[in-house]
Amino acid sequence: MKRTILLVILAIFSLEPMAQVNIYNPNANAKEDIQKAISDAKESNKNVLIQIGGNWCPWCVRLHKLFESNDTIKSIINDNYVWILVNYSKENKNLDIMKALSNPQRFGFPVLVILDYNGTRIHTQDTGLLESGKGYDNKKIIGFLKNWTVKVINEN
């Protein structure tokens, strides 16, 4: 009996962190957020990195935590992109935004979209291709981010 109670308590506590995740805001105005990001990108000569996903998605949470915690990745993003999050959930699928971005949700979640500083979509990235084993591959993510900077695009 004690073992069963202990297992139930452990199960409850293991579910708690996922229930408290609040990375993506279903109430955010994605259209306004994207327009502001484009404006900021133009002023700073950067591209826009849109991370689309939801709090319900473990891979979305995992990618976000990696972006926030890995100093190299964080530095590349800060130096080269205006980074924003767009929610996709049962509460708000942002279908008008998905349509305007050529329906990136078709790749699954999370999905990354790169806009140039004029707001033109220049790339959509299926993040499944950035995985290795049971997680994301830092080298693949760093390579992806470096390949879509303003500097690299303008060199070619």
N, C-alpha and C. Protein backbone atom coordinates (compact mmCIF):
# COMPACT_ATOMS: atom_id res chain seq x y z
N MET A 1 0.82 -1.20 0.00
CA MET A 1 0.00 0.00 0.00
C MET A 1 0.87 1.26 0.00
N LYS A 2 1.93 1.25 0.85
CA LYS A 2 2.82 2.41 0.92
C LYS A 2 3.49 2.64 -0.44
N ARG A 3 3.84 1.57 -1.10
CA ARG A 3 4.49 1.69 -2.41
C ARG A 3 3.53 2.31 -3.43
N THR A 4 2.28 1.92 -3.42
CA THR A 4 1.29 2.46 -4.34
C THR A 4 1.10 3.96 -4.10
N ILE A 5 1.00 4.35 -2.85
CA ILE A 5 0.85 5.76 -2.52
C ILE A 5 2.07 6.55 -2.98
N LEU A 6 3.25 6.01 -2.75
CA LEU A 6 4.48 6.67 -3.18
C LEU A 6 4.51 6.83 -4.70
N LEU A 7 4.10 5.81 -5.43
CA LEU A 7 4.07 5.89 -6.89
C LEU A 7 3.07 6.94 -7.37
N VAL A 8 1.94 7.03 -6.74
CA VAL A 8 0.93 8.04 -7.10
C VAL A 8 1.48 9.44 -6.84
N ILE A 9 2.12 9.64 -5.70
CA ILE A 9 2.70 10.95 -5.37
C ILE A 9 3.78 11.32 -6.38
N LEU A 10 4.65 10.38 -6.71
CA LEU A 10 5.70 10.63 -7.70
C LEU A 10 5.11 10.98 -9.07
N ALA A 11 4.05 10.26 -9.45
CA ALA A 11 3.41 10.54 -10.74
C ALA A 11 2.82 11.94 -10.76
N ILE A 12 2.21 12.36 -9.69
CA ILE A 12 1.62 13.70 -9.62
C ILE A 12 2.71 14.76 -9.74
N PHE A 13 3.81 14.59 -9.02
CA PHE A 13 4.89 15.57 -9.08
C PHE A 13 5.60 15.58 -10.42
N SER A 14 5.64 14.45 -11.11
CA SER A 14 6.30 14.42 -12.42
C SER A 14 5.46 15.13 -13.47
N LEU A 15 4.15 15.20 -13.28
CA LEU A 15 3.27 15.90 -14.21
C LEU A 15 3.23 17.39 -13.96
N GLU A 16 3.54 17.80 -12.77
CA GLU A 16 3.42 19.20 -12.38
C GLU A 16 4.24 20.15 -13.25
N PRO A 17 5.52 19.88 -13.59
CA PRO A 17 6.27 20.84 -14.40
C PRO A 17 5.63 21.12 -15.76
N MET A 18 5.08 20.11 -16.42
CA MET A 18 4.44 20.34 -17.72
C MET A 18 3.20 21.20 -17.57
N ALA A 19 2.47 21.03 -16.47
CA ALA A 19 1.25 21.79 -16.27
C ALA A 19 1.56 23.27 -16.05
N GLN A 20 2.76 23.58 -15.57
CA GLN A 20 3.10 24.96 -15.25
C GLN A 20 3.81 25.68 -16.40
N VAL A 21 4.05 25.02 -17.49
CA VAL A 21 4.75 25.65 -18.62
C VAL A 21 3.88 26.76 -19.18
N ASN A 22 4.47 27.93 -19.34
CA ASN A 22 3.75 29.06 -19.89
C ASN A 22 4.70 29.86 -20.78
N ILE A 23 5.13 29.24 -21.85
CA ILE A 23 6.08 29.87 -22.77
C ILE A 23 5.32 30.60 -23.88
N TYR A 24 4.37 29.93 -24.47
CA TYR A 24 3.58 30.49 -25.56
C TYR A 24 2.32 31.11 -24.99
N ASN A 25 1.95 32.28 -25.49
CA ASN A 25 0.78 32.98 -25.00
C ASN A 25 -0.37 32.86 -26.00
N PRO A 26 -1.38 32.05 -25.70
CA PRO A 26 -2.49 31.90 -26.63
C PRO A 26 -3.28 33.19 -26.85
N ASN A 27 -3.15 34.15 -25.93
CA ASN A 27 -3.89 35.41 -26.04
C ASN A 27 -3.11 36.51 -26.74
N ALA A 28 -1.87 36.22 -27.10
CA ALA A 28 -1.05 37.24 -27.77
C ALA A 28 -1.62 37.55 -29.15
N ASN A 29 -1.40 38.77 -29.60
CA ASN A 29 -1.80 39.16 -30.94
C ASN A 29 -0.61 38.90 -31.86
N ALA A 30 -0.60 37.73 -32.48
CA ALA A 30 0.54 37.30 -33.29
C ALA A 30 0.81 38.25 -34.45
N LYS A 31 -0.24 38.78 -35.04
CA LYS A 31 -0.06 39.71 -36.17
C LYS A 31 0.70 40.95 -35.71
N GLU A 32 0.30 41.52 -34.59
CA GLU A 32 1.00 42.70 -34.06
C GLU A 32 2.43 42.36 -33.65
N ASP A 33 2.61 41.19 -33.03
CA ASP A 33 3.95 40.78 -32.61
C ASP A 33 4.88 40.64 -33.82
N ILE A 34 4.37 40.07 -34.89
CA ILE A 34 5.18 39.90 -36.09
C ILE A 34 5.49 41.25 -36.73
N GLN A 35 4.52 42.14 -36.79
CA GLN A 35 4.76 43.47 -37.36
C GLN A 35 5.80 44.23 -36.56
N LYS A 36 5.74 44.14 -35.24
CA LYS A 36 6.73 44.81 -34.39
C LYS A 36 8.11 44.18 -34.61
N ALA A 37 8.16 42.87 -34.72
CA ALA A 37 9.44 42.19 -34.94
C ALA A 37 10.05 42.61 -36.28
N ILE A 38 9.23 42.74 -37.31
CA ILE A 38 9.72 43.19 -38.62
C ILE A 38 10.27 44.61 -38.51
N SER A 39 9.56 45.47 -37.83
CA SER A 39 10.02 46.84 -37.63
C SER A 39 11.35 46.88 -36.88
N ASP A 40 11.44 46.10 -35.80
CA ASP A 40 12.68 46.03 -35.02
C ASP A 40 13.82 45.44 -35.85
N ALA A 41 13.51 44.44 -36.67
CA ALA A 41 14.54 43.80 -37.50
C ALA A 41 15.07 44.78 -38.54
N LYS A 42 14.18 45.56 -39.11
CA LYS A 42 14.62 46.55 -40.10
C LYS A 42 15.56 47.57 -39.46
N GLU A 43 15.21 48.03 -38.28
CA GLU A 43 16.04 49.02 -37.57
C GLU A 43 17.40 48.46 -37.19
N SER A 44 17.46 47.17 -36.90
CA SER A 44 18.70 46.58 -36.41
C SER A 44 19.42 45.72 -37.45
N ASN A 45 18.91 45.71 -38.69
CA ASN A 45 19.51 44.93 -39.79
C ASN A 45 19.62 43.45 -39.42
N LYS A 46 18.51 42.90 -38.95
CA LYS A 46 18.43 41.49 -38.59
C LYS A 46 17.27 40.84 -39.33
N ASN A 47 17.22 39.53 -39.28
CA ASN A 47 16.05 38.80 -39.75
C ASN A 47 15.16 38.48 -38.56
N VAL A 48 13.96 38.01 -38.84
CA VAL A 48 13.01 37.64 -37.80
C VAL A 48 12.98 36.12 -37.70
N LEU A 49 13.14 35.61 -36.49
CA LEU A 49 13.03 34.18 -36.21
C LEU A 49 11.72 33.97 -35.47
N ILE A 50 10.79 33.26 -36.12
CA ILE A 50 9.51 32.97 -35.49
C ILE A 50 9.51 31.51 -35.06
N GLN A 51 9.30 31.30 -33.79
CA GLN A 51 9.20 29.96 -33.23
C GLN A 51 7.71 29.70 -32.99
N ILE A 52 7.16 28.73 -33.71
CA ILE A 52 5.74 28.42 -33.60
C ILE A 52 5.57 27.10 -32.86
N GLY A 53 4.71 27.13 -31.86
CA GLY A 53 4.45 25.92 -31.09
C GLY A 53 3.43 26.20 -30.00
N GLY A 54 3.42 25.34 -29.02
CA GLY A 54 2.46 25.51 -27.93
C GLY A 54 2.97 24.92 -26.64
N ASN A 55 2.38 25.36 -25.56
CA ASN A 55 2.76 24.87 -24.23
C ASN A 55 2.44 23.39 -24.06
N TRP A 56 1.56 22.86 -24.87
CA TRP A 56 1.14 21.47 -24.84
C TRP A 56 2.20 20.54 -25.45
N CYS A 57 3.17 21.10 -26.14
CA CYS A 57 4.11 20.34 -26.96
C CYS A 57 5.47 20.19 -26.26
N PRO A 58 5.83 18.98 -25.80
CA PRO A 58 7.10 18.80 -25.11
C PRO A 58 8.32 19.19 -25.96
N TRP A 59 8.28 18.94 -27.26
CA TRP A 59 9.41 19.31 -28.13
C TRP A 59 9.51 20.83 -28.26
N CYS A 60 8.37 21.53 -28.22
CA CYS A 60 8.38 23.00 -28.27
C CYS A 60 9.04 23.56 -27.02
N VAL A 61 8.69 23.00 -25.88
CA VAL A 61 9.26 23.44 -24.61
C VAL A 61 10.75 23.13 -24.59
N ARG A 62 11.12 21.95 -25.05
CA ARG A 62 12.52 21.54 -25.08
C ARG A 62 13.36 22.47 -25.95
N LEU A 63 12.85 22.83 -27.15
CA LEU A 63 13.58 23.72 -28.05
C LEU A 63 13.72 25.10 -27.42
N HIS A 64 12.65 25.59 -26.84
CA HIS A 64 12.70 26.91 -26.21
C HIS A 64 13.73 26.96 -25.08
N LYS A 65 13.73 25.93 -24.26
CA LYS A 65 14.70 25.87 -23.16
C LYS A 65 16.13 25.83 -23.70
N LEU A 66 16.35 25.12 -24.80
CA LEU A 66 17.68 25.08 -25.41
C LEU A 66 18.08 26.46 -25.91
N PHE A 67 17.17 27.14 -26.60
CA PHE A 67 17.45 28.49 -27.09
C PHE A 67 17.79 29.44 -25.95
N GLU A 68 17.15 29.27 -24.83
CA GLU A 68 17.36 30.15 -23.68
C GLU A 68 18.62 29.80 -22.89
N SER A 69 19.00 28.52 -22.87
CA SER A 69 20.07 28.08 -21.97
C SER A 69 21.44 27.90 -22.64
N ASN A 70 21.48 27.64 -23.93
CA ASN A 70 22.76 27.42 -24.60
C ASN A 70 23.34 28.77 -25.00
N ASP A 71 24.47 29.14 -24.42
CA ASP A 71 25.04 30.47 -24.63
C ASP A 71 25.39 30.74 -26.09
N THR A 72 25.89 29.74 -26.80
CA THR A 72 26.25 29.93 -28.21
C THR A 72 25.01 30.19 -29.05
N ILE A 73 23.99 29.36 -28.86
CA ILE A 73 22.74 29.53 -29.62
C ILE A 73 22.09 30.86 -29.26
N LYS A 74 22.04 31.15 -27.99
CA LYS A 74 21.42 32.40 -27.53
C LYS A 74 22.13 33.61 -28.13
N SER A 75 23.44 33.55 -28.19
CA SER A 75 24.23 34.65 -28.76
C SER A 75 23.97 34.81 -30.25
N ILE A 76 23.91 33.71 -30.98
CA ILE A 76 23.63 33.78 -32.43
C ILE A 76 22.26 34.39 -32.65
N ILE A 77 21.28 33.97 -31.87
CA ILE A 77 19.92 34.52 -32.01
C ILE A 77 19.93 36.01 -31.69
N ASN A 78 20.49 36.39 -30.56
CA ASN A 78 20.49 37.80 -30.15
C ASN A 78 21.23 38.70 -31.14
N ASP A 79 22.32 38.20 -31.72
CA ASP A 79 23.12 39.00 -32.64
C ASP A 79 22.53 39.12 -34.04
N ASN A 80 21.67 38.15 -34.42
CA ASN A 80 21.24 38.08 -35.82
C ASN A 80 19.74 38.08 -36.07
N TYR A 81 18.96 37.94 -35.02
CA TYR A 81 17.52 37.80 -35.21
C TYR A 81 16.73 38.62 -34.20
N VAL A 82 15.53 38.96 -34.60
CA VAL A 82 14.50 39.38 -33.66
C VAL A 82 13.65 38.12 -33.48
N TRP A 83 13.68 37.57 -32.29
CA TRP A 83 13.07 36.27 -32.00
C TRP A 83 11.72 36.46 -31.35
N ILE A 84 10.70 35.83 -31.92
CA ILE A 84 9.36 35.89 -31.33
C ILE A 84 8.73 34.50 -31.32
N LEU A 85 7.75 34.37 -30.47
CA LEU A 85 7.00 33.12 -30.35
C LEU A 85 5.58 33.34 -30.86
N VAL A 86 5.08 32.37 -31.59
CA VAL A 86 3.69 32.40 -32.04
C VAL A 86 3.03 31.12 -31.55
N ASN A 87 1.93 31.28 -30.87
CA ASN A 87 1.19 30.16 -30.30
C ASN A 87 0.40 29.41 -31.36
N TYR A 88 0.36 28.09 -31.20
CA TYR A 88 -0.55 27.23 -31.95
C TYR A 88 -1.09 26.22 -30.95
N SER A 89 -2.35 26.37 -30.60
CA SER A 89 -2.97 25.47 -29.63
C SER A 89 -4.46 25.41 -29.89
N LYS A 90 -5.14 24.55 -29.15
CA LYS A 90 -6.59 24.46 -29.32
C LYS A 90 -7.27 25.78 -28.95
N GLU A 91 -6.64 26.56 -28.05
CA GLU A 91 -7.21 27.85 -27.67
C GLU A 91 -7.07 28.89 -28.78
N ASN A 92 -5.98 28.80 -29.52
CA ASN A 92 -5.73 29.78 -30.58
C ASN A 92 -4.73 29.19 -31.57
N LYS A 93 -5.23 28.80 -32.71
CA LYS A 93 -4.36 28.22 -33.74
C LYS A 93 -3.71 29.27 -34.63
N ASN A 94 -4.11 30.52 -34.49
CA ASN A 94 -3.56 31.60 -35.32
C ASN A 94 -3.58 31.23 -36.81
N LEU A 95 -4.72 30.74 -37.26
CA LEU A 95 -4.81 30.24 -38.64
C LEU A 95 -4.55 31.31 -39.69
N ASP A 96 -4.91 32.57 -39.40
CA ASP A 96 -4.63 33.64 -40.36
C ASP A 96 -3.12 33.84 -40.51
N ILE A 97 -2.40 33.74 -39.41
CA ILE A 97 -0.94 33.86 -39.44
C ILE A 97 -0.33 32.64 -40.14
N MET A 98 -0.85 31.45 -39.84
CA MET A 98 -0.34 30.24 -40.49
C MET A 98 -0.49 30.35 -42.00
N LYS A 99 -1.64 30.82 -42.43
CA LYS A 99 -1.88 30.97 -43.87
C LYS A 99 -0.90 31.99 -44.47
N ALA A 100 -0.70 33.12 -43.80
CA ALA A 100 0.22 34.15 -44.29
C ALA A 100 1.66 33.65 -44.36
N LEU A 101 1.99 32.68 -43.52
CA LEU A 101 3.35 32.12 -43.50
C LEU A 101 3.46 30.83 -44.31
N SER A 102 2.50 30.59 -45.20
CA SER A 102 2.47 29.40 -46.07
C SER A 102 2.30 28.10 -45.30
N ASN A 103 1.50 28.15 -44.25
CA ASN A 103 1.10 26.97 -43.47
C ASN A 103 2.27 26.13 -42.94
N PRO A 104 3.11 26.73 -42.12
CA PRO A 104 4.26 25.99 -41.58
C PRO A 104 3.87 24.84 -40.66
N GLN A 105 2.66 24.86 -40.13
CA GLN A 105 2.21 23.81 -39.22
C GLN A 105 2.21 22.44 -39.89
N ARG A 106 2.29 22.42 -41.20
CA ARG A 106 2.31 21.14 -41.92
C ARG A 106 3.56 20.32 -41.58
N PHE A 107 4.60 20.97 -41.03
CA PHE A 107 5.82 20.29 -40.65
C PHE A 107 5.78 19.74 -39.23
N GLY A 108 4.72 20.03 -38.49
CA GLY A 108 4.65 19.63 -37.09
C GLY A 108 5.20 20.74 -36.22
N PHE A 109 5.34 20.43 -34.93
CA PHE A 109 5.75 21.45 -33.97
C PHE A 109 6.90 20.96 -33.12
N PRO A 110 7.76 21.90 -32.74
CA PRO A 110 7.78 23.30 -33.13
C PRO A 110 8.24 23.42 -34.59
N VAL A 111 7.96 24.57 -35.15
CA VAL A 111 8.43 24.88 -36.49
C VAL A 111 9.00 26.29 -36.43
N LEU A 112 10.07 26.51 -37.19
CA LEU A 112 10.73 27.82 -37.22
C LEU A 112 10.54 28.46 -38.58
N VAL A 113 10.24 29.74 -38.58
CA VAL A 113 10.06 30.49 -39.82
C VAL A 113 11.00 31.69 -39.77
N ILE A 114 11.72 31.91 -40.86
CA ILE A 114 12.61 33.06 -40.96
C ILE A 114 11.98 34.06 -41.94
N LEU A 115 11.86 35.30 -41.48
CA LEU A 115 11.43 36.40 -42.34
C LEU A 115 12.62 37.33 -42.50
N ASP A 116 12.75 37.95 -43.68
CA ASP A 116 13.77 38.98 -43.79
C ASP A 116 13.24 40.25 -43.13
N TYR A 117 14.06 41.28 -43.07
CA TYR A 117 13.64 42.49 -42.36
C TYR A 117 12.58 43.29 -43.11
N ASN A 118 12.18 42.82 -44.29
CA ASN A 118 11.03 43.41 -44.99
C ASN A 118 9.75 42.62 -44.75
N GLY A 119 9.87 41.50 -44.03
CA GLY A 119 8.70 40.70 -43.72
C GLY A 119 8.43 39.58 -44.70
N THR A 120 9.34 39.35 -45.63
CA THR A 120 9.18 38.27 -46.61
C THR A 120 9.68 36.96 -46.01
N ARG A 121 8.86 35.93 -46.11
CA ARG A 121 9.27 34.62 -45.61
C ARG A 121 10.38 34.09 -46.51
N ILE A 122 11.52 33.75 -45.90
CA ILE A 122 12.63 33.24 -46.70
C ILE A 122 12.96 31.79 -46.39
N HIS A 123 12.44 31.26 -45.28
CA HIS A 123 12.69 29.86 -44.98
C HIS A 123 11.73 29.37 -43.90
N THR A 124 11.33 28.10 -44.03
CA THR A 124 10.58 27.41 -42.99
C THR A 124 11.36 26.16 -42.64
N GLN A 125 11.60 25.96 -41.36
CA GLN A 125 12.43 24.84 -40.91
C GLN A 125 11.64 23.82 -40.12
N ASP A 126 11.60 22.61 -40.63
CA ASP A 126 11.08 21.46 -39.90
C ASP A 126 12.10 21.13 -38.82
N THR A 127 11.76 21.33 -37.56
CA THR A 127 12.74 21.12 -36.49
C THR A 127 13.05 19.65 -36.24
N GLY A 128 12.25 18.76 -36.79
CA GLY A 128 12.59 17.33 -36.71
C GLY A 128 13.93 17.05 -37.34
N LEU A 129 14.30 17.86 -38.33
CA LEU A 129 15.58 17.69 -39.01
C LEU A 129 16.75 18.22 -38.17
N LEU A 130 16.44 18.88 -37.07
CA LEU A 130 17.47 19.41 -36.18
C LEU A 130 17.67 18.53 -34.95
N GLU A 131 17.02 17.38 -34.96
CA GLU A 131 17.10 16.45 -33.83
C GLU A 131 18.21 15.43 -34.06
N SER A 132 18.63 14.85 -32.96
CA SER A 132 19.57 13.75 -32.99
C SER A 132 19.30 12.91 -31.75
N GLY A 133 18.96 11.66 -31.95
CA GLY A 133 18.62 10.81 -30.81
C GLY A 133 17.35 11.28 -30.15
N LYS A 134 17.42 11.53 -28.84
CA LYS A 134 16.23 11.92 -28.08
C LYS A 134 16.21 13.41 -27.77
N GLY A 135 16.93 14.20 -28.55
CA GLY A 135 16.96 15.64 -28.30
C GLY A 135 17.39 16.40 -29.53
N TYR A 136 17.59 17.68 -29.35
CA TYR A 136 18.05 18.52 -30.45
C TYR A 136 19.57 18.45 -30.54
N ASP A 137 20.06 18.56 -31.77
CA ASP A 137 21.49 18.53 -32.04
C ASP A 137 22.00 19.98 -32.09
N ASN A 138 22.80 20.36 -31.12
CA ASN A 138 23.29 21.75 -31.04
C ASN A 138 23.99 22.18 -32.33
N LYS A 139 24.80 21.30 -32.91
CA LYS A 139 25.53 21.65 -34.14
C LYS A 139 24.56 21.92 -35.29
N LYS A 140 23.53 21.12 -35.41
CA LYS A 140 22.53 21.33 -36.47
C LYS A 140 21.81 22.65 -36.27
N ILE A 141 21.44 22.95 -35.04
CA ILE A 141 20.73 24.20 -34.76
C ILE A 141 21.63 25.40 -35.02
N ILE A 142 22.87 25.32 -34.58
CA ILE A 142 23.82 26.41 -34.82
C ILE A 142 24.03 26.60 -36.32
N GLY A 143 24.19 25.52 -37.05
CA GLY A 143 24.34 25.61 -38.51
C GLY A 143 23.13 26.24 -39.17
N PHE A 144 21.94 25.82 -38.77
CA PHE A 144 20.71 26.40 -39.30
C PHE A 144 20.66 27.89 -39.04
N LEU A 145 20.90 28.30 -37.80
CA LEU A 145 20.82 29.72 -37.45
C LEU A 145 21.86 30.55 -38.20
N LYS A 146 23.04 30.02 -38.35
CA LYS A 146 24.10 30.75 -39.07
C LYS A 146 23.80 30.88 -40.56
N ASN A 147 23.11 29.90 -41.12
CA ASN A 147 22.82 29.90 -42.57
C ASN A 147 21.76 30.91 -42.99
N TRP A 148 21.00 31.47 -42.05
CA TRP A 148 19.90 32.35 -42.41
C TRP A 148 20.06 33.76 -41.85
N THR A 149 21.29 34.17 -41.57
CA THR A 149 21.53 35.53 -41.10
C THR A 149 21.52 36.48 -42.28
N VAL A 150 21.30 37.76 -42.01
CA VAL A 150 21.31 38.79 -43.06
C VAL A 150 22.66 38.77 -43.77
N LYS A 151 23.73 38.68 -43.01
CA LYS A 151 25.07 38.72 -43.59
C LYS A 151 25.27 37.57 -44.59
N VAL A 152 24.95 36.37 -44.21
CA VAL A 152 25.16 35.21 -45.09
C VAL A 152 24.27 35.31 -46.32
N ILE A 153 23.03 35.70 -46.14
CA ILE A 153 22.12 35.78 -47.29
C ILE A 153 22.59 36.85 -48.26
N ASN A 154 23.06 37.98 -47.75
CA ASN A 154 23.51 39.07 -48.63
C ASN A 154 24.84 38.79 -49.30
N GLU A 155 25.63 37.85 -48.77
CA GLU A 155 26.90 37.47 -49.40
C GLU A 155 26.67 36.64 -50.64
N ASN A 156 25.58 35.93 -50.69
CA ASN A 156 25.32 35.01 -51.82
C ASN A 156 24.50 35.61 -52.91
